[in-house]
Protein backbone atom coordinates (compact mmCIF):
# COMPACT_ATOMS: atom_id res chain seq x y z
CA UNK A 1 -4.92 36.42 -14.35
CA UNK A 2 -5.56 32.71 -14.30
CA UNK A 3 -2.76 30.51 -13.07
CA UNK A 4 -3.76 27.55 -15.18
CA UNK A 5 -4.84 27.46 -18.76
CA UNK A 6 -8.20 25.91 -19.54
CA UNK A 7 -6.62 23.64 -22.10
CA UNK A 8 -4.73 20.72 -20.60
CA UNK A 9 -1.07 20.57 -21.51
CA UNK A 10 -0.03 17.35 -23.22
CA UNK A 11 3.32 15.82 -22.42
CA UNK A 12 5.93 15.49 -25.14
CA UNK A 13 6.10 11.73 -24.60
CA UNK A 14 2.38 11.34 -25.29
CA UNK A 15 2.64 13.57 -28.34
CA UNK A 16 5.60 11.59 -29.72
CA UNK A 17 3.96 8.27 -29.02
CA UNK A 18 0.74 9.35 -30.74
CA UNK A 19 2.71 10.54 -33.78
CA UNK A 20 4.61 7.23 -34.00
CA UNK A 21 1.36 5.28 -33.92
CA UNK A 22 -0.22 7.58 -36.53
CA UNK A 23 2.77 7.22 -38.85
CA UNK A 24 2.74 3.47 -38.36
CA UNK A 25 -0.88 3.25 -39.52
CA UNK A 26 -0.46 5.82 -42.29
CA UNK A 27 -1.87 4.78 -45.66
CA UNK A 28 -0.45 5.70 -49.06
CA UNK A 29 -1.72 9.03 -50.36
CA UNK A 30 -2.54 10.33 -46.88
CA UNK A 31 -1.59 13.97 -46.31
CA UNK A 32 0.42 15.31 -43.37
CA UNK A 33 -2.64 17.15 -42.08
CA UNK A 34 -4.66 13.95 -41.99
CA UNK A 35 -1.82 12.20 -40.16
CA UNK A 36 -1.72 15.06 -37.64
CA UNK A 37 -5.48 14.78 -37.08
CA UNK A 38 -5.14 11.03 -36.51
CA UNK A 39 -2.26 11.67 -34.11
CA UNK A 40 -4.42 14.18 -32.18
CA UNK A 41 -7.20 11.59 -31.87
CA UNK A 42 -4.73 8.98 -30.64
CA UNK A 43 -3.29 11.54 -28.22
CA UNK A 44 -6.75 12.24 -26.78
CA UNK A 45 -7.30 8.51 -26.38
CA UNK A 46 -3.98 8.11 -24.55
CA UNK A 47 -4.81 11.04 -22.25
CA UNK A 48 -8.25 9.59 -21.51
CA UNK A 49 -6.70 6.20 -20.74
CA UNK A 50 -4.16 7.81 -18.38
CA UNK A 51 -6.91 9.75 -16.57
CA UNK A 52 -9.00 6.61 -16.11
CA UNK A 53 -5.95 4.72 -14.88
CA UNK A 54 -5.20 7.45 -12.31
CA UNK A 55 -8.81 7.38 -11.06
CA UNK A 56 -8.69 3.59 -10.66
CA UNK A 57 -5.35 3.81 -8.86
CA UNK A 58 -6.73 6.45 -6.46
CA UNK A 59 -9.82 4.34 -5.72
CA UNK A 60 -7.68 1.26 -5.09
CA UNK A 61 -5.42 3.28 -2.81
CA UNK A 62 -8.44 4.52 -0.84
CA UNK A 63 -9.75 0.96 -0.47
CA UNK A 64 -6.37 -0.25 0.73
CA UNK A 65 -6.14 2.57 3.27
CA UNK A 66 -9.63 1.77 4.58
CA UNK A 67 -8.79 -1.93 4.82
CA UNK A 68 -5.58 -1.31 6.75
CA UNK A 69 -7.26 1.27 8.98
CA UNK A 70 -10.12 -1.08 9.87
CA UNK A 71 -7.80 -4.07 10.38
CA UNK A 72 -5.59 -2.26 12.90
CA UNK A 73 -7.71 -0.22 15.32
CA UNK A 74 -5.98 2.90 16.58
CA UNK A 75 -5.96 3.32 20.38
CA UNK A 76 -7.74 6.48 21.49
CA UNK A 77 -5.43 7.11 24.43
CA UNK A 78 -1.73 6.33 24.55
CA UNK A 79 -0.95 3.45 26.85
CA UNK A 80 1.36 4.01 29.81
CA UNK A 81 4.66 2.17 29.45
CA UNK A 82 5.47 0.12 32.58
CA UNK A 83 8.64 1.29 34.28
CA UNK A 84 9.85 -2.19 35.21
CA UNK A 85 10.94 -4.77 32.65
CA UNK A 86 9.42 -7.75 34.51
CA UNK A 87 5.97 -8.89 33.44
CA UNK A 88 3.19 -7.70 35.69
CA UNK A 89 1.36 -11.00 35.91
CA UNK A 90 3.82 -13.74 36.70
CA UNK A 91 3.03 -17.36 36.19
CA UNK A 92 2.60 -19.65 39.24
CA UNK A 93 3.81 -22.72 37.37
CA UNK A 94 7.55 -22.23 38.06
CA UNK A 95 6.89 -21.80 41.78
CA UNK A 96 4.67 -24.88 41.92
CA UNK A 97 7.33 -26.95 40.15
CA UNK A 98 10.03 -25.67 42.51
CA UNK A 99 7.99 -26.54 45.61
CA UNK A 100 7.09 -29.94 44.17
CA UNK A 101 10.73 -30.75 43.43
CA UNK A 102 11.80 -29.77 46.98
CA UNK A 103 8.96 -31.79 48.43
CA UNK A 104 10.00 -34.84 46.41
CA UNK A 105 13.62 -34.31 47.49
CA UNK A 106 12.54 -34.12 51.16
CA UNK A 107 10.42 -37.27 50.89
CA UNK A 108 13.31 -39.14 49.24
CA UNK A 109 15.76 -37.89 51.90
CA UNK A 110 13.57 -38.97 54.84
CA UNK A 111 12.67 -42.35 53.29
CA UNK A 112 16.28 -43.21 52.46
CA UNK A 113 17.42 -42.72 56.11
């Protein structure tokens, strides 16, 4: 037995919407059968529009995924987390400034005596 029927099931919302549109455009002297046929045509158009919209949304989603994947390269190997919280490469500038300040203090001290 087949799990799915070959004919696509139409949602009640689409069916109701198609019937409202068909009744809205109904002309005087038009039979119920003609209105039903018009509603079926509108229903097919709505289904086709929804399918096209889903395809476009999927394509856009794929493009967005590719763009984000190419923008942020994934590392091939996980990086080892350093055990200490201090930065590995320390700057020499603070030490130079400290030595310079002590040197200036020493020069001032010896010149003032």
